[in-house]
Amino acid sequence: MEPVLSIRDLVLFVLGGSFGQEIEPERKFQKVVWLFSKQLGIDTSPINDNEVIYSQKVAEAFSELKAMGYFQEVPVLTKDGQALLERKKKEYESAWNSMEQTAEIVTAFSEINEK
């Protein structure tokens, strides 16, 4: 059985996955993390007020990863961040695969709405 994904690892997955590329501003990033946290059953203790979803735990995990040098300001994963992501993808393979499948569905849905 796979270990439970931590909030920091969830944030890393969102940053490192195709679903996390260039997510700006922070509230959109928070929404994407929230979506995957619901899918994976991870409690991020979000505050949901007037369509704004914010989790202090997610913000702290984001800050921790940045302070450890795992991504740049943009955010784009550094070489060390990419190496950590690859290790975590193996450790939490089913969570990663599930997130990728959801991202494909969301992307396809977004493309349909644009047409």
PDB file of N, CA and C in Angstrom:
ATOM      1  N   MET A   1       0.841  -1.186   0.000  1.00  0.00           N
ATOM      2  CA  MET A   1       0.000   0.000   0.000  1.00  0.00           C
ATOM      3  C   MET A   1       0.884   1.247   0.000  1.00  0.00           C
ATOM      4  N   GLU A   2       0.496   2.198  -0.801  1.00  0.00           N
ATOM      5  CA  GLU A   2       1.246   3.445  -0.931  1.00  0.00           C
ATOM      6  C   GLU A   2       1.073   4.315   0.310  1.00  0.00           C
ATOM      7  N   PRO A   3       2.136   5.016   0.754  1.00  0.00           N
ATOM      8  CA  PRO A   3       1.974   5.928   1.889  1.00  0.00           C
ATOM      9  C   PRO A   3       1.076   7.106   1.497  1.00  0.00           C
ATOM     10  N   VAL A   4       0.561   7.782   2.516  1.00  0.00           N
ATOM     11  CA  VAL A   4      -0.309   8.938   2.283  1.00  0.00           C
ATOM     12  C   VAL A   4       0.537  10.115   1.805  1.00  0.00           C
ATOM     13  N   LEU A   5       0.067  10.772   0.780  1.00  0.00           N
ATOM     14  CA  LEU A   5       0.744  11.931   0.201  1.00  0.00           C
ATOM     15  C   LEU A   5       0.625  13.114   1.163  1.00  0.00           C
ATOM     16  N   SER A   6       1.745  13.773   1.450  1.00  0.00           N
ATOM     17  CA  SER A   6       1.704  14.957   2.306  1.00  0.00           C
ATOM     18  C   SER A   6       1.263  16.165   1.480  1.00  0.00           C
ATOM     19  N   ILE A   7       0.869  17.225   2.158  1.00  0.00           N
ATOM     20  CA  ILE A   7       0.471  18.449   1.458  1.00  0.00           C
ATOM     21  C   ILE A   7       1.656  19.004   0.673  1.00  0.00           C
ATOM     22  N   ARG A   8       2.845  18.939   1.253  1.00  0.00           N
ATOM     23  CA  ARG A   8       4.036  19.438   0.547  1.00  0.00           C
ATOM     24  C   ARG A   8       4.288  18.637  -0.724  1.00  0.00           C
ATOM     25  N   ASP A   9       4.116  17.314  -0.654  1.00  0.00           N
ATOM     26  CA  ASP A   9       4.300  16.490  -1.849  1.00  0.00           C
ATOM     27  C   ASP A   9       3.205  16.774  -2.885  1.00  0.00           C
ATOM     28  N   LEU A  10       1.984  17.023  -2.422  1.00  0.00           N
ATOM     29  CA  LEU A  10       0.900  17.385  -3.330  1.00  0.00           C
ATOM     30  C   LEU A  10       1.235  18.694  -4.054  1.00  0.00           C
ATOM     31  N   VAL A  11       1.735  19.684  -3.321  1.00  0.00           N
ATOM     32  CA  VAL A  11       2.133  20.960  -3.929  1.00  0.00           C
ATOM     33  C   VAL A  11       3.254  20.723  -4.945  1.00  0.00           C
ATOM     34  N   LEU A  12       4.221  19.882  -4.598  1.00  0.00           N
ATOM     35  CA  LEU A  12       5.298  19.547  -5.527  1.00  0.00           C
ATOM     36  C   LEU A  12       4.740  18.916  -6.802  1.00  0.00           C
ATOM     37  N   PHE A  13       3.793  18.010  -6.660  1.00  0.00           N
ATOM     38  CA  PHE A  13       3.198  17.366  -7.830  1.00  0.00           C
ATOM     39  C   PHE A  13       2.495  18.386  -8.719  1.00  0.00           C
ATOM     40  N   VAL A  14       1.773  19.310  -8.114  1.00  0.00           N
ATOM     41  CA  VAL A  14       1.084  20.325  -8.913  1.00  0.00           C
ATOM     42  C   VAL A  14       2.100  21.222  -9.612  1.00  0.00           C
ATOM     43  N   LEU A  15       3.155  21.608  -8.907  1.00  0.00           N
ATOM     44  CA  LEU A  15       4.192  22.435  -9.521  1.00  0.00           C
ATOM     45  C   LEU A  15       4.907  21.706 -10.647  1.00  0.00           C
ATOM     46  N   GLY A  16       5.131  20.415 -10.474  1.00  0.00           N
ATOM     47  CA  GLY A  16       5.935  19.652 -11.426  1.00  0.00           C
ATOM     48  C   GLY A  16       5.161  19.001 -12.549  1.00  0.00           C
ATOM     49  N   GLY A  17       3.846  18.941 -12.411  1.00  0.00           N
ATOM     50  CA  GLY A  17       3.055  18.299 -13.440  1.00  0.00           C
ATOM     51  C   GLY A  17       2.646  19.272 -14.528  1.00  0.00           C
ATOM     52  N   SER A  18       2.196  18.728 -15.612  1.00  0.00           N
ATOM     53  CA  SER A  18       1.737  19.584 -16.705  1.00  0.00           C
ATOM     54  C   SER A  18       0.550  20.424 -16.262  1.00  0.00           C
ATOM     55  N   PHE A  19      -0.156  19.966 -15.225  1.00  0.00           N
ATOM     56  CA  PHE A  19      -1.293  20.693 -14.687  1.00  0.00           C
ATOM     57  C   PHE A  19      -0.861  21.848 -13.806  1.00  0.00           C
ATOM     58  N   GLY A  20       0.414  21.993 -13.511  1.00  0.00           N
ATOM     59  CA  GLY A  20       0.879  23.048 -12.626  1.00  0.00           C
ATOM     60  C   GLY A  20       1.724  24.095 -13.312  1.00  0.00           C
ATOM     61  N   GLN A  21       1.971  23.936 -14.590  1.00  0.00           N
ATOM     62  CA  GLN A  21       2.856  24.860 -15.284  1.00  0.00           C
ATOM     63  C   GLN A  21       2.245  26.252 -15.355  1.00  0.00           C
ATOM     64  N   GLU A  22       3.010  27.192 -14.894  1.00  0.00           N
ATOM     65  CA  GLU A  22       2.672  28.612 -15.005  1.00  0.00           C
ATOM     66  C   GLU A  22       1.298  28.951 -14.430  1.00  0.00           C
ATOM     67  N   ILE A  23       0.979  28.402 -13.275  1.00  0.00           N
ATOM     68  CA  ILE A  23      -0.282  28.739 -12.621  1.00  0.00           C
ATOM     69  C   ILE A  23      -0.089  30.045 -11.866  1.00  0.00           C
ATOM     70  N   GLU A  24      -0.757  31.050 -12.322  1.00  0.00           N
ATOM     71  CA  GLU A  24      -0.738  32.368 -11.692  1.00  0.00           C
ATOM     72  C   GLU A  24      -2.174  32.855 -11.654  1.00  0.00           C
ATOM     73  N   PRO A  25      -2.583  33.612 -10.752  1.00  0.00           N
ATOM     74  CA  PRO A  25      -1.947  34.002  -9.509  1.00  0.00           C
ATOM     75  C   PRO A  25      -2.086  32.923  -8.451  1.00  0.00           C
ATOM     76  N   GLU A  26      -1.731  33.250  -7.220  1.00  0.00           N
ATOM     77  CA  GLU A  26      -1.728  32.264  -6.146  1.00  0.00           C
ATOM     78  C   GLU A  26      -3.113  31.648  -5.936  1.00  0.00           C
ATOM     79  N   ARG A  27      -4.173  32.438  -6.056  1.00  0.00           N
ATOM     80  CA  ARG A  27      -5.505  31.867  -5.796  1.00  0.00           C
ATOM     81  C   ARG A  27      -5.867  30.789  -6.816  1.00  0.00           C
ATOM     82  N   LYS A  28      -5.395  30.915  -8.049  1.00  0.00           N
ATOM     83  CA  LYS A  28      -5.642  29.864  -9.042  1.00  0.00           C
ATOM     84  C   LYS A  28      -4.847  28.614  -8.668  1.00  0.00           C
ATOM     85  N   PHE A  29      -3.603  28.811  -8.228  1.00  0.00           N
ATOM     86  CA  PHE A  29      -2.788  27.680  -7.773  1.00  0.00           C
ATOM     87  C   PHE A  29      -3.485  26.979  -6.611  1.00  0.00           C
ATOM     88  N   GLN A  30      -3.999  27.761  -5.668  1.00  0.00           N
ATOM     89  CA  GLN A  30      -4.703  27.193  -4.515  1.00  0.00           C
ATOM     90  C   GLN A  30      -5.905  26.353  -4.979  1.00  0.00           C
ATOM     91  N   LYS A  31      -6.622  26.820  -5.998  1.00  0.00           N
ATOM     92  CA  LYS A  31      -7.775  26.076  -6.508  1.00  0.00           C
ATOM     93  C   LYS A  31      -7.359  24.755  -7.147  1.00  0.00           C
ATOM     94  N   VAL A  32      -6.256  24.777  -7.875  1.00  0.00           N
ATOM     95  CA  VAL A  32      -5.776  23.548  -8.512  1.00  0.00           C
ATOM     96  C   VAL A  32      -5.350  22.538  -7.441  1.00  0.00           C
ATOM     97  N   VAL A  33      -4.629  23.001  -6.423  1.00  0.00           N
ATOM     98  CA  VAL A  33      -4.224  22.106  -5.329  1.00  0.00           C
ATOM     99  C   VAL A  33      -5.475  21.575  -4.624  1.00  0.00           C
ATOM    100  N   TRP A  34      -6.453  22.444  -4.403  1.00  0.00           N
ATOM    101  CA  TRP A  34      -7.694  22.020  -3.754  1.00  0.00           C
ATOM    102  C   TRP A  34      -8.381  20.912  -4.547  1.00  0.00           C
ATOM    103  N   LEU A  35      -8.455  21.076  -5.870  1.00  0.00           N
ATOM    104  CA  LEU A  35      -9.085  20.068  -6.718  1.00  0.00           C
ATOM    105  C   LEU A  35      -8.421  18.701  -6.521  1.00  0.00           C
ATOM    106  N   PHE A  36      -7.095  18.685  -6.586  1.00  0.00           N
ATOM    107  CA  PHE A  36      -6.391  17.405  -6.432  1.00  0.00           C
ATOM    108  C   PHE A  36      -6.462  16.884  -4.992  1.00  0.00           C
ATOM    109  N   SER A  37      -6.504  17.775  -4.014  1.00  0.00           N
ATOM    110  CA  SER A  37      -6.620  17.317  -2.622  1.00  0.00           C
ATOM    111  C   SER A  37      -7.954  16.622  -2.399  1.00  0.00           C
ATOM    112  N   LYS A  38      -9.015  17.146  -3.031  1.00  0.00           N
ATOM    113  CA  LYS A  38     -10.323  16.496  -2.924  1.00  0.00           C
ATOM    114  C   LYS A  38     -10.292  15.126  -3.589  1.00  0.00           C
ATOM    115  N   GLN A  39      -9.661  15.056  -4.745  1.00  0.00           N
ATOM    116  CA  GLN A  39      -9.583  13.800  -5.488  1.00  0.00           C
ATOM    117  C   GLN A  39      -8.842  12.739  -4.685  1.00  0.00           C
ATOM    118  N   LEU A  40      -7.772  13.150  -4.025  1.00  0.00           N
ATOM    119  CA  LEU A  40      -6.909  12.192  -3.326  1.00  0.00           C
ATOM    120  C   LEU A  40      -7.254  12.030  -1.844  1.00  0.00           C
ATOM    121  N   GLY A  41      -8.243  12.779  -1.364  1.00  0.00           N
ATOM    122  CA  GLY A  41      -8.655  12.657   0.037  1.00  0.00           C
ATOM    123  C   GLY A  41      -7.654  13.247   1.015  1.00  0.00           C
ATOM    124  N   ILE A  42      -7.003  14.331   0.633  1.00  0.00           N
ATOM    125  CA  ILE A  42      -6.021  14.991   1.495  1.00  0.00           C
ATOM    126  C   ILE A  42      -6.658  16.248   2.076  1.00  0.00           C
ATOM    127  N   ASP A  43      -6.643  16.353   3.399  1.00  0.00           N
ATOM    128  CA  ASP A  43      -7.242  17.515   4.061  1.00  0.00           C
ATOM    129  C   ASP A  43      -6.244  18.663   4.090  1.00  0.00           C
ATOM    130  N   THR A  44      -6.520  19.695   3.299  1.00  0.00           N
ATOM    131  CA  THR A  44      -5.657  20.880   3.289  1.00  0.00           C
ATOM    132  C   THR A  44      -6.237  22.000   4.148  1.00  0.00           C
ATOM    133  N   SER A  45      -7.362  21.735   4.815  1.00  0.00           N
ATOM    134  CA  SER A  45      -8.045  22.710   5.667  1.00  0.00           C
ATOM    135  C   SER A  45      -8.263  24.039   4.953  1.00  0.00           C
ATOM    136  N   PRO A  46      -8.931  24.009   3.788  1.00  0.00           N
ATOM    137  CA  PRO A  46      -9.127  25.258   3.048  1.00  0.00           C
ATOM    138  C   PRO A  46     -10.208  26.142   3.660  1.00  0.00           C
ATOM    139  N   ILE A  47     -10.053  27.406   3.431  1.00  0.00           N
ATOM    140  CA  ILE A  47     -11.093  28.372   3.756  1.00  0.00           C
ATOM    141  C   ILE A  47     -11.778  28.673   2.434  1.00  0.00           C
ATOM    142  N   ASN A  48     -13.074  28.493   2.385  1.00  0.00           N
ATOM    143  CA  ASN A  48     -13.827  28.736   1.157  1.00  0.00           C
ATOM    144  C   ASN A  48     -14.803  29.868   1.432  1.00  0.00           C
ATOM    145  N   ASP A  49     -14.454  31.070   0.980  1.00  0.00           N
ATOM    146  CA  ASP A  49     -15.267  32.248   1.255  1.00  0.00           C
ATOM    147  C   ASP A  49     -15.447  33.051  -0.030  1.00  0.00           C
ATOM    148  N   ASN A  50     -16.691  33.196  -0.474  1.00  0.00           N
ATOM    149  CA  ASN A  50     -16.987  33.975  -1.682  1.00  0.00           C
ATOM    150  C   ASN A  50     -16.175  33.515  -2.889  1.00  0.00           C
ATOM    151  N   GLU A  51     -16.168  32.211  -3.125  1.00  0.00           N
ATOM    152  CA  GLU A  51     -15.488  31.613  -4.274  1.00  0.00           C
ATOM    153  C   GLU A  51     -13.970  31.715  -4.224  1.00  0.00           C
ATOM    154  N   VAL A  52     -13.434  32.090  -3.087  1.00  0.00           N
ATOM    155  CA  VAL A  52     -11.978  32.112  -2.909  1.00  0.00           C
ATOM    156  C   VAL A  52     -11.619  30.905  -2.054  1.00  0.00           C
ATOM    157  N   ILE A  53     -10.777  30.067  -2.593  1.00  0.00           N
ATOM    158  CA  ILE A  53     -10.312  28.894  -1.843  1.00  0.00           C
ATOM    159  C   ILE A  53      -8.872  29.159  -1.447  1.00  0.00           C
ATOM    160  N   TYR A  54      -8.612  29.119  -0.132  1.00  0.00           N
ATOM    161  CA  TYR A  54      -7.260  29.388   0.360  1.00  0.00           C
ATOM    162  C   TYR A  54      -6.963  28.447   1.507  1.00  0.00           C
ATOM    163  N   SER A  55      -5.767  27.884   1.490  1.00  0.00           N
ATOM    164  CA  SER A  55      -5.319  27.011   2.568  1.00  0.00           C
ATOM    165  C   SER A  55      -3.961  27.492   3.070  1.00  0.00           C
ATOM    166  N   GLN A  56      -3.903  27.793   4.350  1.00  0.00           N
ATOM    167  CA  GLN A  56      -2.638  28.196   4.948  1.00  0.00           C
ATOM    168  C   GLN A  56      -1.625  27.060   4.851  1.00  0.00           C
ATOM    169  N   LYS A  57      -2.097  25.819   4.979  1.00  0.00           N
ATOM    170  CA  LYS A  57      -1.203  24.667   4.881  1.00  0.00           C
ATOM    171  C   LYS A  57      -0.557  24.577   3.499  1.00  0.00           C
ATOM    172  N   VAL A  58      -1.343  24.863   2.464  1.00  0.00           N
ATOM    173  CA  VAL A  58      -0.813  24.842   1.095  1.00  0.00           C
ATOM    174  C   VAL A  58       0.201  25.977   0.922  1.00  0.00           C
ATOM    175  N   ALA A  59      -0.132  27.156   1.420  1.00  0.00           N
ATOM    176  CA  ALA A  59       0.783  28.299   1.325  1.00  0.00           C
ATOM    177  C   ALA A  59       2.101  28.010   2.041  1.00  0.00           C
ATOM    178  N   GLU A  60       2.029  27.373   3.197  1.00  0.00           N
ATOM    179  CA  GLU A  60       3.244  27.020   3.945  1.00  0.00           C
ATOM    180  C   GLU A  60       4.070  25.975   3.189  1.00  0.00           C
ATOM    181  N   ALA A  61       3.414  24.974   2.626  1.00  0.00           N
ATOM    182  CA  ALA A  61       4.133  23.946   1.854  1.00  0.00           C
ATOM    183  C   ALA A  61       4.825  24.574   0.649  1.00  0.00           C
ATOM    184  N   PHE A  62       4.126  25.485  -0.027  1.00  0.00           N
ATOM    185  CA  PHE A  62       4.682  26.212  -1.171  1.00  0.00           C
ATOM    186  C   PHE A  62       5.936  26.981  -0.737  1.00  0.00           C
ATOM    187  N   SER A  63       5.833  27.696   0.379  1.00  0.00           N
ATOM    188  CA  SER A  63       6.968  28.479   0.905  1.00  0.00           C
ATOM    189  C   SER A  63       8.142  27.587   1.297  1.00  0.00           C
ATOM    190  N   GLU A  64       7.837  26.441   1.909  1.00  0.00           N
ATOM    191  CA  GLU A  64       8.897  25.502   2.310  1.00  0.00           C
ATOM    192  C   GLU A  64       9.667  24.997   1.098  1.00  0.00           C
ATOM    193  N   LEU A  65       8.949  24.581   0.059  1.00  0.00           N
ATOM    194  CA  LEU A  65       9.609  24.087  -1.150  1.00  0.00           C
ATOM    195  C   LEU A  65      10.456  25.182  -1.797  1.00  0.00           C
ATOM    196  N   LYS A  66       9.944  26.390  -1.791  1.00  0.00           N
ATOM    197  CA  LYS A  66      10.696  27.515  -2.356  1.00  0.00           C
ATOM    198  C   LYS A  66      11.948  27.788  -1.523  1.00  0.00           C
ATOM    199  N   ALA A  67      11.804  27.791  -0.205  1.00  0.00           N
ATOM    200  CA  ALA A  67      12.944  28.042   0.682  1.00  0.00           C
ATOM    201  C   ALA A  67      14.019  26.967   0.547  1.00  0.00           C
ATOM    202  N   MET A  68      13.606  25.751   0.236  1.00  0.00           N
ATOM    203  CA  MET A  68      14.563  24.651   0.050  1.00  0.00           C
ATOM    204  C   MET A  68      15.210  24.679  -1.325  1.00  0.00           C
ATOM    205  N   GLY A  69      14.780  25.630  -2.160  1.00  0.00           N
ATOM    206  CA  GLY A  69      15.404  25.783  -3.474  1.00  0.00           C
ATOM    207  C   GLY A  69      14.894  24.839  -4.538  1.00  0.00           C
ATOM    208  N   TYR A  70      13.674  24.294  -4.349  1.00  0.00           N
ATOM    209  CA  TYR A  70      13.157  23.325  -5.308  1.00  0.00           C
ATOM    210  C   TYR A  70      12.447  23.953  -6.503  1.00  0.00           C
ATOM    211  N   PHE A  71      12.182  25.244  -6.460  1.00  0.00           N
ATOM    212  CA  PHE A  71      11.648  25.917  -7.638  1.00  0.00           C
ATOM    213  C   PHE A  71      12.042  27.380  -7.627  1.00  0.00           C
ATOM    214  N   GLN A  72      11.973  27.960  -8.814  1.00  0.00           N
ATOM    215  CA  GLN A  72      12.319  29.360  -8.982  1.00  0.00           C
ATOM    216  C   GLN A  72      11.061  30.208  -8.803  1.00  0.00           C
ATOM    217  N   GLU A  73      11.221  31.489  -8.920  1.00  0.00           N
ATOM    218  CA  GLU A  73      10.118  32.424  -8.691  1.00  0.00           C
ATOM    219  C   GLU A  73       8.924  32.200  -9.612  1.00  0.00           C
ATOM    220  N   VAL A  74       9.122  31.696 -10.798  1.00  0.00           N
ATOM    221  CA  VAL A  74       8.081  31.702 -11.839  1.00  0.00           C
ATOM    222  C   VAL A  74       6.780  30.979 -11.464  1.00  0.00           C
ATOM    223  N   PRO A  75       6.555  29.874 -10.897  1.00  0.00           N
ATOM    224  CA  PRO A  75       7.478  28.864 -10.414  1.00  0.00           C
ATOM    225  C   PRO A  75       7.798  27.785 -11.455  1.00  0.00           C
ATOM    226  N   VAL A  76       9.057  27.529 -11.598  1.00  0.00           N
ATOM    227  CA  VAL A  76       9.558  26.446 -12.433  1.00  0.00           C
ATOM    228  C   VAL A  76      10.489  25.628 -11.551  1.00  0.00           C
ATOM    229  N   LEU A  77      10.333  24.313 -11.604  1.00  0.00           N
ATOM    230  CA  LEU A  77      11.187  23.467 -10.768  1.00  0.00           C
ATOM    231  C   LEU A  77      12.651  23.608 -11.165  1.00  0.00           C
ATOM    232  N   THR A  78      13.504  23.664 -10.154  1.00  0.00           N
ATOM    233  CA  THR A  78      14.941  23.657 -10.389  1.00  0.00           C
ATOM    234  C   THR A  78      15.368  22.226 -10.690  1.00  0.00           C
ATOM    235  N   LYS A  79      16.639  22.036 -10.977  1.00  0.00           N
ATOM    236  CA  LYS A  79      17.168  20.684 -11.229  1.00  0.00           C
ATOM    237  C   LYS A  79      16.939  19.797  -9.999  1.00  0.00           C
ATOM    238  N   ASP A  80      17.203  20.347  -8.810  1.00  0.00           N
ATOM    239  CA  ASP A  80      16.968  19.586  -7.581  1.00  0.00           C
ATOM    240  C   ASP A  80      15.481  19.308  -7.371  1.00  0.00           C
ATOM    241  N   GLY A  81      14.652  20.305  -7.709  1.00  0.00           N
ATOM    242  CA  GLY A  81      13.205  20.120  -7.601  1.00  0.00           C
ATOM    243  C   GLY A  81      12.701  19.045  -8.540  1.00  0.00           C
ATOM    244  N   GLN A  82      13.230  19.018  -9.747  1.00  0.00           N
ATOM    245  CA  GLN A  82      12.845  17.997 -10.721  1.00  0.00           C
ATOM    246  C   GLN A  82      13.276  16.610 -10.246  1.00  0.00           C
ATOM    247  N   ALA A  83      14.476  16.529  -9.654  1.00  0.00           N
ATOM    248  CA  ALA A  83      14.949  15.243  -9.129  1.00  0.00           C
ATOM    249  C   ALA A  83      14.059  14.765  -7.977  1.00  0.00           C
ATOM    250  N   LEU A  84      13.671  15.689  -7.101  1.00  0.00           N
ATOM    251  CA  LEU A  84      12.762  15.344  -6.005  1.00  0.00           C
ATOM    252  C   LEU A  84      11.419  14.877  -6.562  1.00  0.00           C
ATOM    253  N   LEU A  85      10.909  15.586  -7.552  1.00  0.00           N
ATOM    254  CA  LEU A  85       9.646  15.203  -8.177  1.00  0.00           C
ATOM    255  C   LEU A  85       9.716  13.779  -8.727  1.00  0.00           C
ATOM    256  N   GLU A  86      10.784  13.452  -9.419  1.00  0.00           N
ATOM    257  CA  GLU A  86      10.924  12.113  -9.990  1.00  0.00           C
ATOM    258  C   GLU A  86      10.923  11.045  -8.898  1.00  0.00           C
ATOM    259  N   ARG A  87      11.596  11.318  -7.780  1.00  0.00           N
ATOM    260  CA  ARG A  87      11.594  10.363  -6.660  1.00  0.00           C
ATOM    261  C   ARG A  87      10.185  10.208  -6.081  1.00  0.00           C
ATOM    262  N   LYS A  88       9.495  11.322  -5.920  1.00  0.00           N
ATOM    263  CA  LYS A  88       8.153  11.286  -5.332  1.00  0.00           C
ATOM    264  C   LYS A  88       7.146  10.626  -6.275  1.00  0.00           C
ATOM    265  N   LYS A  89       7.304  10.799  -7.582  1.00  0.00           N
ATOM    266  CA  LYS A  89       6.418  10.154  -8.543  1.00  0.00           C
ATOM    267  C   LYS A  89       6.499   8.638  -8.420  1.00  0.00           C
ATOM    268  N   LYS A  90       7.683   8.129  -8.132  1.00  0.00           N
ATOM    269  CA  LYS A  90       7.845   6.682  -7.941  1.00  0.00           C
ATOM    270  C   LYS A  90       7.250   6.254  -6.607  1.00  0.00           C
ATOM    271  N   GLU A  91       7.448   7.085  -5.585  1.00  0.00           N
ATOM    272  CA  GLU A  91       6.950   6.748  -4.248  1.00  0.00           C
ATOM    273  C   GLU A  91       5.420   6.760  -4.201  1.00  0.00           C
ATOM    274  N   TYR A  92       4.823   7.722  -4.889  1.00  0.00           N
ATOM    275  CA  TYR A  92       3.364   7.885  -4.895  1.00  0.00           C
ATOM    276  C   TYR A  92       2.819   7.699  -6.305  1.00  0.00           C
ATOM    277  N   GLU A  93       3.153   6.605  -6.919  1.00  0.00           N
ATOM    278  CA  GLU A  93       2.821   6.372  -8.319  1.00  0.00           C
ATOM    279  C   GLU A  93       1.321   6.442  -8.605  1.00  0.00           C
ATOM    280  N   SER A  94       0.507   5.827  -7.775  1.00  0.00           N
ATOM    281  CA  SER A  94      -0.929   5.836  -8.072  1.00  0.00           C
ATOM    282  C   SER A  94      -1.520   7.237  -7.919  1.00  0.00           C
ATOM    283  N   ALA A  95      -1.073   8.010  -6.947  1.00  0.00           N
ATOM    284  CA  ALA A  95      -1.555   9.392  -6.791  1.00  0.00           C
ATOM    285  C   ALA A  95      -1.144  10.226  -7.994  1.00  0.00           C
ATOM    286  N   TRP A  96       0.102  10.073  -8.424  1.00  0.00           N
ATOM    287  CA  TRP A  96       0.587  10.824  -9.592  1.00  0.00           C
ATOM    288  C   TRP A  96      -0.231  10.469 -10.834  1.00  0.00           C
ATOM    289  N   ASN A  97      -0.437   9.177 -11.069  1.00  0.00           N
ATOM    290  CA  ASN A  97      -1.203   8.747 -12.244  1.00  0.00           C
ATOM    291  C   ASN A  97      -2.637   9.272 -12.197  1.00  0.00           C
ATOM    292  N   SER A  98      -3.228   9.253 -11.029  1.00  0.00           N
ATOM    293  CA  SER A  98      -4.579   9.759 -10.862  1.00  0.00           C
ATOM    294  C   SER A  98      -4.646  11.255 -11.172  1.00  0.00           C
ATOM    295  N   MET A  99      -3.663  12.000 -10.701  1.00  0.00           N
ATOM    296  CA  MET A  99      -3.619  13.441 -10.973  1.00  0.00           C
ATOM    297  C   MET A  99      -3.445  13.718 -12.459  1.00  0.00           C
ATOM    298  N   GLU A 100      -2.610  12.938 -13.127  1.00  0.00           N
ATOM    299  CA  GLU A 100      -2.413  13.123 -14.566  1.00  0.00           C
ATOM    300  C   GLU A 100      -3.709  12.861 -15.333  1.00  0.00           C
ATOM    301  N   GLN A 101      -4.440  11.817 -14.941  1.00  0.00           N
ATOM    302  CA  GLN A 101      -5.704  11.509 -15.616  1.00  0.00           C
ATOM    303  C   GLN A 101      -6.708  12.646 -15.430  1.00  0.00           C
ATOM    304  N   THR A 102      -6.787  13.175 -14.234  1.00  0.00           N
ATOM    305  CA  THR A 102      -7.693  14.291 -13.968  1.00  0.00           C
ATOM    306  C   THR A 102      -7.289  15.510 -14.776  1.00  0.00           C
ATOM    307  N   ALA A 103      -5.998  15.785 -14.862  1.00  0.00           N
ATOM    308  CA  ALA A 103      -5.515  16.937 -15.633  1.00  0.00           C
ATOM    309  C   ALA A 103      -5.895  16.812 -17.101  1.00  0.00           C
ATOM    310  N   GLU A 104      -5.806  15.611 -17.636  1.00  0.00           N
ATOM    311  CA  GLU A 104      -6.192  15.389 -19.032  1.00  0.00           C
ATOM    312  C   GLU A 104      -7.678  15.674 -19.241  1.00  0.00           C
ATOM    313  N   ILE A 105      -8.504  15.256 -18.290  1.00  0.00           N
ATOM    314  CA  ILE A 105      -9.947  15.487 -18.386  1.00  0.00           C
ATOM    315  C   ILE A 105     -10.244  16.986 -18.309  1.00  0.00           C
ATOM    316  N   VAL A 106      -9.625  17.668 -17.359  1.00  0.00           N
ATOM    317  CA  VAL A 106      -9.852  19.106 -17.194  1.00  0.00           C
ATOM    318  C   VAL A 106      -9.386  19.860 -18.436  1.00  0.00           C
ATOM    319  N   THR A 107      -8.233  19.484 -18.981  1.00  0.00           N
ATOM    320  CA  THR A 107      -7.715  20.136 -20.183  1.00  0.00           C
ATOM    321  C   THR A 107      -8.662  19.915 -21.361  1.00  0.00           C
ATOM    322  N   ALA A 108      -9.125  18.692 -21.529  1.00  0.00           N
ATOM    323  CA  ALA A 108     -10.056  18.396 -22.619  1.00  0.00           C
ATOM    324  C   ALA A 108     -11.349  19.188 -22.452  1.00  0.00           C
ATOM    325  N   PHE A 109     -11.842  19.271 -21.238  1.00  0.00           N
ATOM    326  CA  PHE A 109     -13.056  20.025 -20.969  1.00  0.00           C
ATOM    327  C   PHE A 109     -12.856  21.505 -21.266  1.00  0.00           C
ATOM    328  N   SER A 110     -11.710  22.045 -20.900  1.00  0.00           N
ATOM    329  CA  SER A 110     -11.399  23.453 -21.166  1.00  0.00           C
ATOM    330  C   SER A 110     -11.357  23.712 -22.667  1.00  0.00           C
ATOM    331  N   GLU A 111     -10.777  22.787 -23.411  1.00  0.00           N
ATOM    332  CA  GLU A 111     -10.692  22.934 -24.870  1.00  0.00           C
ATOM    333  C   GLU A 111     -12.080  22.887 -25.508  1.00  0.00           C
ATOM    334  N   ILE A 112     -12.951  22.049 -24.985  1.00  0.00           N
ATOM    335  CA  ILE A 112     -14.322  21.972 -25.502  1.00  0.00           C
ATOM    336  C   ILE A 112     -15.035  23.299 -25.263  1.00  0.00           C
ATOM    337  N   ASN A 113     -14.865  23.868 -24.080  1.00  0.00           N
ATOM    338  CA  ASN A 113     -15.524  25.131 -23.750  1.00  0.00           C
ATOM    339  C   ASN A 113     -15.014  26.299 -24.570  1.00  0.00           C
ATOM    340  N   GLU A 114     -13.800  26.204 -25.090  1.00  0.00           N
ATOM    341  CA  GLU A 114     -13.219  27.277 -25.891  1.00  0.00           C
ATOM    342  C   GLU A 114     -13.757  27.272 -27.311  1.00  0.00           C
ATOM    343  N   LYS A 115     -14.320  26.162 -27.743  1.00  0.00           N
ATOM    344  CA  LYS A 115     -14.791  26.033 -29.141  1.00  0.00           C
ATOM    345  C   LYS A 115     -16.202  26.537 -29.285  1.00  0.00           C
TER     346      LYS A 115
END
